[in-house]
Protein backbone atom coordinates (compact mmCIF):
# COMPACT_ATOMS: atom_id res chain seq x y z
CA MET A 1 -228.21 13.14 -105.44
CA THR A 2 -224.35 13.68 -104.53
CA ALA A 3 -222.68 11.03 -102.32
CA ARG A 4 -221.35 14.29 -100.29
CA ARG A 5 -224.77 15.12 -99.91
CA SER A 6 -225.71 11.73 -99.12
CA THR A 7 -223.72 11.56 -96.29
CA ARG A 8 -224.22 14.56 -94.41
CA LEU A 9 -228.04 13.79 -94.51
CA LEU A 10 -227.13 10.19 -93.18
CA VAL A 11 -224.86 11.95 -90.73
CA CYS A 12 -227.33 14.87 -89.59
CA GLY A 13 -229.96 12.43 -89.21
CA ALA A 14 -227.65 9.94 -86.85
CA ALA A 15 -227.01 13.53 -84.66
CA ALA A 16 -230.53 13.96 -84.12
CA ALA A 17 -231.58 10.43 -83.59
CA LEU A 18 -228.74 10.29 -80.91
CA LEU A 19 -229.87 13.11 -78.92
CA THR A 20 -233.57 12.23 -79.62
CA THR A 21 -232.52 9.45 -77.57
CA LEU A 22 -230.03 11.33 -75.00
CA MET A 23 -233.12 13.85 -73.87
CA SER A 24 -235.61 10.69 -73.86
CA GLY A 25 -233.49 9.52 -71.04
CA LEU A 26 -232.65 12.83 -69.46
CA VAL A 27 -236.69 12.87 -69.56
CA ALA A 28 -237.16 9.63 -68.28
CA ASP A 29 -234.82 9.83 -65.66
CA ALA A 30 -235.68 12.98 -64.08
CA ASP A 31 -238.71 13.21 -61.23
CA PRO A 32 -241.10 15.28 -62.94
CA ALA A 33 -242.45 18.15 -60.34
CA PRO A 34 -245.86 17.81 -58.64
CA SER A 35 -246.92 21.03 -59.66
CA ALA A 36 -246.75 19.74 -63.01
CA VAL A 37 -249.89 17.50 -63.10
CA ALA A 38 -252.54 19.39 -65.34
CA ILE A 39 -255.07 21.16 -63.36
CA GLU A 40 -259.20 20.38 -63.84
CA PRO A 41 -261.98 22.62 -64.19
CA ALA A 42 -264.25 22.44 -61.42
CA PRO A 43 -266.75 19.58 -61.53
CA ALA A 44 -269.51 20.54 -63.26
CA VAL A 45 -271.89 18.17 -60.66
CA THR A 46 -270.84 18.33 -56.53
CA LEU A 47 -271.42 14.70 -56.32
CA PRO A 48 -269.94 13.61 -52.69
CA PRO A 49 -266.98 11.34 -52.52
CA GLU A 50 -268.50 7.91 -52.87
CA PHE A 51 -269.42 9.59 -56.41
CA ASP A 52 -266.76 11.26 -57.03
CA GLU A 53 -264.07 9.56 -59.13
CA PHE A 54 -261.36 12.01 -58.42
CA TYR A 55 -261.16 10.32 -55.20
CA ARG A 56 -260.06 7.02 -57.15
CA PRO A 57 -257.02 6.57 -58.27
CA ALA A 58 -256.00 3.49 -59.67
CA ALA A 59 -253.93 1.72 -57.18
CA GLY A 60 -250.60 1.07 -59.10
CA LEU A 61 -250.73 4.82 -59.56
CA VAL A 62 -250.58 5.19 -55.85
CA ALA A 63 -248.21 2.75 -54.58
CA ASP A 64 -245.59 4.02 -57.39
CA ALA A 65 -245.65 7.80 -55.67
CA GLU A 66 -243.93 8.82 -53.02
CA PRO A 67 -245.80 10.71 -50.03
CA GLY A 68 -246.74 13.91 -50.59
CA GLU A 69 -246.80 13.43 -54.48
CA ILE A 70 -250.03 15.08 -56.22
CA LEU A 71 -251.71 12.94 -58.48
CA ARG A 72 -254.47 14.78 -59.48
CA ALA A 73 -255.40 18.44 -59.42
CA ARG A 74 -258.40 20.33 -59.77
CA ALA A 75 -259.98 23.69 -59.25
CA ILE A 76 -263.18 24.24 -57.37
CA LEU A 77 -265.85 26.45 -56.41
CA PRO A 78 -266.03 26.99 -52.79
CA ALA A 79 -268.82 27.44 -51.12
CA PHE A 80 -270.62 28.30 -47.23
CA PHE A 81 -272.91 25.64 -46.55
CA GLY A 82 -273.15 24.77 -49.91
CA ILE A 83 -274.93 27.73 -50.99
CA LEU A 84 -272.96 31.36 -50.14
CA HIS A 85 -270.05 31.71 -52.92
CA MET A 86 -266.42 32.34 -51.38
CA ASP A 87 -264.69 34.56 -53.62
CA VAL A 88 -260.52 32.89 -52.86
CA ASP A 89 -258.70 30.33 -55.07
CA ALA A 90 -259.60 27.11 -54.20
CA HIS A 91 -258.39 23.59 -55.43
CA GLN A 92 -257.93 20.46 -54.66
CA LEU A 93 -254.87 17.82 -54.79
CA LEU A 94 -255.43 13.86 -54.80
CA TYR A 95 -252.31 12.83 -53.10
CA ARG A 96 -250.02 10.09 -51.81
CA THR A 97 -250.34 9.60 -47.77
CA ASN A 98 -249.90 6.35 -46.04
CA ASN A 99 -252.33 4.50 -43.66
CA SER A 100 -251.32 3.09 -40.25
CA GLN A 101 -249.87 0.10 -41.56
CA GLY A 102 -247.54 2.21 -43.93
CA GLN A 103 -248.56 0.87 -46.59
CA PRO A 104 -249.59 3.39 -49.98
CA ILE A 105 -252.88 5.07 -49.89
CA ALA A 106 -254.34 8.46 -51.18
CA THR A 107 -256.66 11.12 -50.44
CA VAL A 108 -257.84 15.19 -51.23
CA THR A 109 -256.20 18.33 -49.30
CA THR A 110 -258.35 21.12 -49.91
CA ILE A 111 -256.37 24.66 -50.75
CA LEU A 112 -257.52 28.38 -50.47
CA THR A 113 -254.97 30.87 -51.43
CA PRO A 114 -256.35 34.55 -50.93
CA ARG A 115 -256.91 37.34 -53.06
CA GLY A 116 -254.30 39.35 -54.64
CA PRO A 117 -250.49 39.15 -54.96
CA ALA A 118 -248.27 36.66 -52.78
CA PRO A 119 -245.65 38.54 -50.71
CA ALA A 120 -241.93 38.25 -52.55
CA GLY A 121 -240.36 34.65 -50.90
CA GLY A 122 -244.10 33.05 -51.54
CA ARG A 123 -247.34 32.94 -48.70
CA LYS A 124 -246.89 31.29 -45.14
CA LEU A 125 -249.29 27.98 -45.05
CA LEU A 126 -251.73 27.16 -42.08
CA SER A 127 -252.95 23.73 -42.41
CA TYR A 128 -256.69 23.29 -40.21
CA GLN A 129 -257.78 20.23 -39.66
CA ILE A 130 -261.39 20.09 -39.16
CA ALA A 131 -263.15 18.36 -36.46
CA GLU A 132 -265.20 16.03 -39.03
CA ASP A 133 -265.98 13.63 -36.18
CA SER A 134 -267.77 11.27 -38.48
CA ALA A 135 -267.25 7.75 -40.49
CA ALA A 136 -268.82 8.45 -43.55
CA GLN A 137 -267.08 9.75 -46.37
CA TYR A 138 -269.46 12.77 -47.48
CA CYS A 139 -268.21 14.36 -44.55
CA ALA A 140 -265.14 14.76 -46.00
CA PRO A 141 -263.87 19.21 -45.41
CA SER A 142 -263.52 18.69 -49.17
CA TYR A 143 -266.72 17.71 -50.25
CA VAL A 144 -268.53 20.03 -47.49
CA VAL A 145 -266.81 23.16 -48.80
CA GLN A 146 -267.91 22.87 -52.47
CA SER A 147 -270.70 24.93 -53.98
CA GLY A 148 -273.61 22.68 -54.27
CA ALA A 149 -272.62 20.14 -51.29
CA ILE A 150 -275.43 18.93 -49.25
CA PRO A 151 -274.74 20.38 -45.66
CA ALA A 152 -275.43 17.77 -43.70
CA ASP A 153 -272.79 18.17 -41.88
CA TYR A 154 -273.26 21.58 -40.93
CA VAL A 155 -270.80 21.77 -37.71
CA ASN A 156 -268.23 20.99 -40.49
CA ALA A 157 -269.67 23.75 -42.44
CA ALA A 158 -269.30 26.33 -39.73
CA GLU A 159 -265.93 25.11 -38.86
CA ILE A 160 -264.45 26.06 -42.34
CA LEU A 161 -265.07 30.15 -41.40
CA ILE A 162 -262.03 29.73 -39.01
CA PRO A 163 -259.67 28.95 -41.29
CA ILE A 164 -261.12 31.01 -43.68
CA ALA A 165 -260.97 34.23 -41.02
CA ALA A 166 -258.17 33.48 -39.95
CA GLY A 167 -255.50 32.73 -42.21
CA LEU A 168 -256.82 33.35 -45.27
CA GLY A 169 -258.03 37.16 -43.83
CA GLN A 170 -253.83 37.38 -42.91
CA GLY A 171 -252.76 36.42 -46.26
CA TRP A 172 -252.14 32.65 -45.50
CA THR A 173 -252.41 30.10 -47.70
CA VAL A 174 -255.00 27.31 -46.36
CA ALA A 175 -255.07 23.56 -46.45
CA MET A 176 -257.91 21.34 -45.14
CA PRO A 177 -257.05 17.68 -45.57
CA ASP A 178 -259.53 14.95 -45.60
CA TYR A 179 -256.99 13.18 -42.80
CA GLU A 180 -259.32 10.68 -41.99
CA GLY A 181 -258.58 9.28 -45.25
CA PRO A 182 -260.04 7.13 -48.30
CA ASN A 183 -262.39 5.03 -45.80
CA SER A 184 -263.16 8.04 -43.06
CA ALA A 185 -261.28 6.29 -40.43
CA TYR A 186 -262.35 8.92 -37.27
CA GLY A 187 -260.08 8.39 -34.63
CA ALA A 188 -257.01 7.01 -36.37
CA SER A 189 -254.37 9.88 -35.48
CA ARG A 190 -251.48 8.03 -36.74
CA LEU A 191 -253.08 8.17 -39.99
CA GLY A 192 -254.54 10.91 -39.96
CA ALA A 193 -251.27 13.16 -38.63
CA GLN A 194 -249.72 11.22 -42.03
CA ALA A 195 -252.12 12.44 -43.94
CA THR A 196 -251.85 16.33 -42.66
CA LEU A 197 -247.79 16.38 -42.95
CA ASP A 198 -248.00 14.32 -46.77
CA GLY A 199 -251.15 17.20 -47.49
CA ILE A 200 -248.59 20.02 -46.59
CA ARG A 201 -246.30 18.27 -48.53
CA ALA A 202 -248.44 18.43 -51.81
CA ALA A 203 -249.49 22.16 -50.93
CA GLU A 204 -245.88 23.07 -50.92
CA ASN A 205 -244.89 21.20 -54.37
CA PHE A 206 -248.45 23.14 -55.98
CA ALA A 207 -247.69 26.53 -57.75
CA PRO A 208 -251.61 27.50 -57.44
CA SER A 209 -250.57 27.81 -53.63
CA GLU A 210 -247.70 29.92 -54.12
CA LEU A 211 -245.46 28.76 -51.03
CA SER A 212 -242.07 28.35 -51.58
CA GLY A 213 -241.55 24.24 -51.41
CA PRO A 214 -240.36 22.95 -48.17
CA SER A 215 -239.00 25.86 -46.73
CA THR A 216 -242.77 27.74 -46.41
CA PRO A 217 -243.22 28.61 -42.40
CA ALA A 218 -246.21 26.00 -42.04
CA ALA A 219 -248.35 26.07 -38.53
CA LEU A 220 -251.29 22.98 -37.57
CA TRP A 221 -254.25 23.91 -35.89
CA GLY A 222 -256.88 22.15 -35.05
CA TYR A 223 -260.03 21.55 -32.13
CA SER A 224 -261.23 18.89 -30.52
CA GLY A 225 -261.83 15.93 -33.01
CA GLY A 226 -259.32 18.29 -35.29
CA THR A 227 -256.56 17.86 -31.99
CA ILE A 228 -256.62 14.19 -32.99
CA PRO A 229 -254.59 14.77 -36.23
CA THR A 230 -252.63 17.89 -35.65
CA ALA A 231 -251.36 16.53 -32.37
CA PHE A 232 -249.82 13.50 -33.18
CA ALA A 233 -248.52 15.12 -36.03
CA ALA A 234 -246.23 17.70 -33.85
CA GLU A 235 -245.18 14.31 -31.92
CA ILE A 236 -244.41 12.63 -35.38
CA LYS A 237 -243.29 15.15 -37.20
CA ASP A 238 -239.37 14.70 -36.97
CA GLU A 239 -239.64 11.04 -37.89
CA TYR A 240 -241.74 11.02 -40.33
CA ALA A 241 -241.53 14.52 -42.16
CA PRO A 242 -238.64 15.64 -41.04
CA ASP A 243 -238.04 17.98 -44.77
CA LEU A 244 -241.26 20.35 -43.41
CA ASN A 245 -240.90 23.41 -41.53
CA ILE A 246 -242.91 23.15 -39.08
CA VAL A 247 -243.24 26.85 -36.46
CA GLY A 248 -245.96 25.76 -34.39
CA ALA A 249 -248.87 22.98 -33.75
CA ALA A 250 -251.83 24.57 -31.46
CA SER A 251 -254.34 21.86 -30.69
CA GLY A 252 -257.74 22.60 -28.34
CA GLY A 253 -260.04 20.71 -26.60
CA VAL A 254 -257.12 17.89 -26.79
CA ALA A 255 -258.55 14.55 -27.87
CA ALA A 256 -255.74 12.10 -27.89
CA ALA A 257 -254.33 12.62 -24.17
CA ASP A 258 -256.07 9.68 -23.00
CA PHE A 259 -258.75 8.00 -25.16
CA GLU A 260 -259.29 5.70 -22.36
CA ALA A 261 -260.61 8.29 -20.25
CA VAL A 262 -262.61 9.82 -22.98
CA VAL A 263 -264.13 6.54 -23.60
CA ARG A 264 -265.47 5.81 -20.35
CA HIS A 265 -266.18 9.24 -19.81
CA ASN A 266 -269.01 9.57 -22.00
CA ASN A 267 -270.00 5.47 -22.28
CA ASN A 268 -273.78 6.52 -21.10
CA GLY A 269 -273.73 10.19 -21.35
CA LEU A 270 -275.35 12.76 -23.56
CA TYR A 271 -272.08 12.40 -26.12
CA ALA A 272 -272.65 8.58 -26.33
CA GLY A 273 -272.44 8.46 -29.94
CA LEU A 274 -269.04 9.93 -30.03
CA ILE A 275 -268.04 6.24 -28.73
CA SER A 276 -269.02 3.98 -31.78
CA GLY A 277 -268.27 6.59 -34.34
CA ALA A 278 -264.64 6.36 -33.05
CA PHE A 279 -264.73 2.54 -32.52
CA VAL A 280 -265.93 2.25 -36.08
CA GLY A 281 -262.90 4.56 -37.82
CA ILE A 282 -260.29 3.27 -36.11
CA ALA A 283 -261.08 -0.42 -36.61
CA THR A 284 -261.28 0.95 -40.47
CA GLU A 285 -257.11 0.85 -39.66
CA TYR A 286 -256.70 -2.87 -37.36
CA PRO A 287 -258.25 -5.64 -39.19
CA ASP A 288 -258.10 -7.63 -35.40
CA MET A 289 -260.44 -4.83 -33.46
CA GLN A 290 -262.38 -5.27 -36.51
CA ARG A 291 -262.65 -9.09 -36.38
CA VAL A 292 -263.49 -8.35 -32.70
CA LEU A 293 -265.80 -5.92 -33.19
CA ARG A 294 -267.83 -8.61 -35.59
CA GLU A 295 -267.83 -11.68 -32.86
CA ARG A 296 -268.03 -9.87 -29.57
CA VAL A 297 -270.55 -7.07 -29.97
CA ASP A 298 -274.71 -7.89 -29.88
CA ILE A 299 -277.44 -7.44 -32.05
CA VAL A 300 -277.78 -3.54 -30.25
CA GLY A 301 -274.23 -2.61 -30.60
CA GLN A 302 -273.99 -3.81 -34.52
CA PHE A 303 -276.84 -1.50 -35.41
CA VAL A 304 -275.65 0.83 -33.57
CA LEU A 305 -271.96 0.90 -34.87
CA ALA A 306 -273.73 0.24 -38.87
CA SER A 307 -275.58 3.21 -38.20
CA LYS A 308 -272.05 5.34 -37.74
CA LYS A 309 -271.20 4.41 -41.50
CA PHE A 310 -274.09 6.76 -42.89
CA LEU A 311 -274.30 9.66 -40.31
CA CYS A 312 -271.91 12.61 -39.97
CA HIS A 313 -270.97 14.79 -37.35
CA PRO A 314 -273.97 16.36 -35.78
CA MET A 315 -276.16 13.13 -36.46
CA GLY A 316 -273.81 10.49 -35.17
CA THR A 317 -273.29 12.00 -32.22
CA ALA A 318 -276.68 13.05 -31.22
CA VAL A 319 -278.24 9.72 -31.81
CA PHE A 320 -278.77 7.12 -29.06
CA PRO A 321 -277.72 8.95 -26.21
CA GLY A 322 -277.18 7.94 -22.62
CA LEU A 323 -276.39 3.86 -24.36
CA ASN A 324 -273.94 1.98 -22.53
CA TYR A 325 -271.92 1.02 -25.68
CA LEU A 326 -269.78 -0.59 -23.62
CA GLY A 327 -272.31 -2.67 -22.69
CA THR A 328 -272.75 -4.18 -26.24
CA PHE A 329 -269.52 -6.11 -25.94
CA GLN A 330 -269.85 -9.89 -24.83
CA GLY A 331 -267.17 -11.04 -21.91
CA ALA A 332 -264.37 -8.98 -21.11
CA ASP A 333 -264.11 -5.35 -20.70
CA PRO A 334 -263.93 -3.84 -24.32
CA LEU A 335 -261.28 -1.74 -23.70
CA LEU A 336 -258.83 -4.16 -22.02
CA ILE A 337 -259.10 -6.57 -25.24
CA PRO A 338 -255.62 -6.71 -26.52
CA GLU A 339 -256.44 -6.08 -30.68
CA ILE A 340 -258.59 -2.88 -29.16
CA LYS A 341 -255.87 -1.77 -26.61
CA HIS A 342 -253.11 -1.90 -29.19
CA ALA A 343 -255.15 0.14 -31.77
CA ILE A 344 -255.99 2.56 -28.60
CA MET A 345 -252.23 2.62 -27.52
CA ASP A 346 -250.83 3.23 -30.96
CA ASN A 347 -253.53 6.45 -31.61
CA SER A 348 -252.90 7.66 -28.55
CA LEU A 349 -250.67 10.63 -27.72
CA GLY A 350 -247.15 10.79 -25.46
CA GLN A 351 -245.39 8.32 -27.79
CA ARG A 352 -242.90 11.22 -28.64
CA THR A 353 -241.89 14.28 -27.58
CA PRO A 354 -242.16 17.03 -30.01
CA SER A 355 -239.73 19.16 -31.10
CA VAL A 356 -241.93 21.75 -32.69
CA PRO A 357 -243.67 24.74 -30.44
CA VAL A 358 -247.14 23.24 -29.15
CA PHE A 359 -249.83 25.44 -28.19
CA MET A 360 -252.96 23.15 -25.86
CA TYR A 361 -255.66 25.05 -24.89
CA HIS A 362 -258.18 23.22 -22.52
CA ALA A 363 -261.77 24.07 -20.50
CA GLN A 364 -261.13 22.81 -17.13
CA ASN A 365 -264.93 21.90 -17.34
CA ASP A 366 -264.84 20.10 -20.59
CA GLU A 367 -268.23 17.93 -20.24
CA ILE A 368 -267.18 15.41 -23.17
CA ILE A 369 -263.16 15.05 -23.14
CA PRO A 370 -261.72 15.06 -19.84
CA ILE A 371 -258.90 17.22 -18.68
CA ALA A 372 -256.84 15.59 -16.87
CA GLY A 373 -255.83 13.83 -20.21
CA THR A 374 -254.31 16.87 -21.42
CA ASP A 375 -252.72 17.69 -18.16
CA ARG A 376 -250.49 14.28 -18.24
CA ILE A 377 -250.10 15.15 -21.97
CA TYR A 378 -248.46 18.38 -20.80
CA GLU A 379 -246.23 17.31 -17.72
CA LYS A 380 -244.97 14.35 -19.61
CA TYR A 381 -244.04 16.61 -22.62
CA CYS A 382 -242.08 18.91 -20.16
CA ASN A 383 -240.75 16.30 -18.18
CA GLU A 384 -238.83 14.28 -21.10
CA GLY A 385 -237.24 18.15 -22.14
CA ALA A 386 -239.86 19.78 -25.06
CA SER A 387 -238.33 22.49 -26.41
CA SER A 388 -241.54 24.84 -25.66
CA VAL A 389 -244.99 23.86 -24.72
CA THR A 390 -247.17 26.54 -23.75
CA TYR A 391 -250.72 25.51 -21.98
CA VAL A 392 -253.50 27.31 -21.39
CA ARG A 393 -256.34 25.97 -18.61
CA GLU A 394 -259.63 27.96 -18.70
CA PHE A 395 -261.60 27.47 -16.21
CA LEU A 396 -265.12 29.30 -16.63
CA ALA A 397 -265.64 27.45 -20.30
CA GLU A 398 -266.32 23.93 -21.58
CA HIS A 399 -265.88 22.20 -24.83
CA ILE A 400 -268.41 24.01 -27.11
CA SER A 401 -267.74 27.34 -25.50
CA GLY A 402 -264.05 26.86 -25.58
CA VAL A 403 -264.02 27.01 -29.33
CA PHE A 404 -265.09 30.95 -29.34
CA THR A 405 -263.18 32.27 -26.40
CA GLN A 406 -259.64 30.07 -26.83
CA LEU A 407 -260.26 31.18 -30.70
CA PRO A 408 -258.11 34.66 -29.98
CA SER A 409 -255.05 33.19 -28.08
CA GLY A 410 -254.88 30.64 -30.18
CA PHE A 411 -254.76 32.88 -33.30
CA TYR A 412 -251.87 35.24 -31.79
CA TRP A 413 -249.64 32.26 -31.00
CA LEU A 414 -249.92 31.01 -33.88
CA LYS A 415 -249.57 34.62 -35.73
CA ASP A 416 -246.51 34.76 -33.69
CA ARG A 417 -244.80 31.27 -34.80
CA LEU A 418 -245.58 31.79 -38.44
CA GLU A 419 -244.25 35.82 -38.37
CA GLY A 420 -241.21 34.35 -36.78
CA VAL A 421 -241.27 35.20 -33.23
CA PRO A 422 -239.55 32.68 -31.34
CA ALA A 423 -241.82 30.22 -29.46
CA PRO A 424 -241.23 31.04 -25.14
CA ALA A 425 -238.89 28.45 -24.51
CA GLY A 426 -239.47 25.60 -22.02
CA CYS A 427 -242.70 24.97 -20.62
CA SER A 428 -245.66 27.42 -18.97
CA SER A 429 -249.33 26.71 -17.81
CA THR A 430 -251.83 29.63 -16.55
CA SER A 431 -254.96 28.42 -15.42
CA PRO A 432 -257.40 31.92 -16.08
CA GLN A 433 -260.97 32.03 -14.93
CA THR A 434 -261.76 33.26 -18.33
CA LEU A 435 -260.43 34.41 -21.16
CA VAL A 436 -262.71 37.15 -22.61
CA ASN A 437 -261.14 39.70 -20.43
CA ASP A 438 -257.72 38.88 -21.43
CA PRO A 439 -255.98 41.78 -23.38
CA GLN A 440 -255.47 39.64 -26.59
CA PHE A 441 -260.01 39.12 -26.96
CA GLY A 442 -261.25 42.12 -28.55
CA PRO A 443 -258.44 42.38 -30.62
CA GLY A 444 -258.05 38.75 -31.76
CA LEU A 445 -261.68 38.96 -32.84
CA ALA A 446 -261.53 42.31 -34.60
CA ALA A 447 -258.27 40.59 -36.80
CA ILE A 448 -260.56 37.76 -37.41
CA LEU A 449 -264.01 38.65 -37.80
CA PRO A 450 -263.90 41.09 -40.78
CA ALA A 451 -262.50 38.23 -43.01
CA ALA A 452 -265.64 36.25 -41.88
CA ALA A 453 -267.66 38.60 -42.96
CA GLN A 454 -266.31 39.09 -46.32
CA ALA A 455 -266.79 35.04 -46.83
CA LEU A 456 -270.11 35.64 -45.83
CA VAL A 457 -271.07 38.39 -48.30
CA GLY A 458 -268.95 37.24 -51.46
CA GLN A 459 -265.94 39.89 -51.03
CA ALA A 460 -262.72 38.96 -51.86
CA ILE A 461 -260.55 37.78 -48.78
CA GLY A 462 -257.04 39.00 -48.87
CA ALA A 463 -257.24 41.39 -52.04
CA GLY A 464 -254.65 44.28 -51.17
CA ARG A 465 -252.29 42.24 -48.58
């Protein structure tokens, strides 16, 4: 080998080594796109979250991630009641969010995408918060929606049809977050709102969602327990997620407007089971409250609390009707105990005035959530200069029937926001006798029900839009 050729080889080798080093440095310094996370295949066997390792990332992985960053992704097979296959694209994302104390945790959101090509510029996003109302992990929407899931939570399994019919049927992508987090913190508004907003971030950074990043028009929707994260997210959006383009938030049967009134109203009543479930859920986020429950609740109350950790929405609500749960506390009124009062206040609405348009609807004769709290929140928002608040107070309805009678009006209000129709400026409140004779009621059902029927018979939803 000649000296000249040896020199050329040395120079080329050194240049290659230098180029490799520079490229390695560039790759190391660059933040990987969340959408680049490998998509795992659908699980061969559907397991509850308690036994599914997908839900349990390494602690260091979560701590090193940014809020909304995707940690894992997988395809799933969606089914109604775990049996009837639904013909949509479906994935689940494990992502980083924060608990009530601002510490990193991971939770899961379920992404449903319509069949057919996405429109130019990407799809719109509906984040729908199911009324999970449970302190057990296997009640989470991400489990309930999967083929092979045991439909113990038949209420939540049925509610999944609402975002499918109203969202996928319009060609929107749908996100359904497990907003209660890994410890099933039922009633924890702050955690739920953060998990909801970070779930939107995750969805917008996941290529199969067919969205356009943070500029994606996104809307929030929830009823009853689903308003716990939805309404709170509207309040904290500017502080927690100013990057998101939230065009509106619709909440029906607003649960967190006055937590104390809801607790006192249901104590000793038919729905007393909701109280202890919420106490269990909120206490998972507040150690001081958890300590009080251990020290101040008698043996009957302890048994009730323990049972709620294993029961889903319908069973957890139905057991122990008429129980004087507050009477199981020893000593002072439990709602006046500082540790409990702090936890409740930290998760109650009215701490900030939302800048995003808000639509609230509530039955005047709601037998579970007294309307007075929602009335006060409406007045508070308006007195503090909220940009747009629309409030509908239906008279001939109660909590259960309100799900259906107010569904079309909520759908149309969200549809207008997602399609770029400006929200009405300022505040407006109406108190109709019923919404069944509203001009939007029939057309609203006609727009929603066909997609629901398609889902039930396994037809492709959203194809051709």
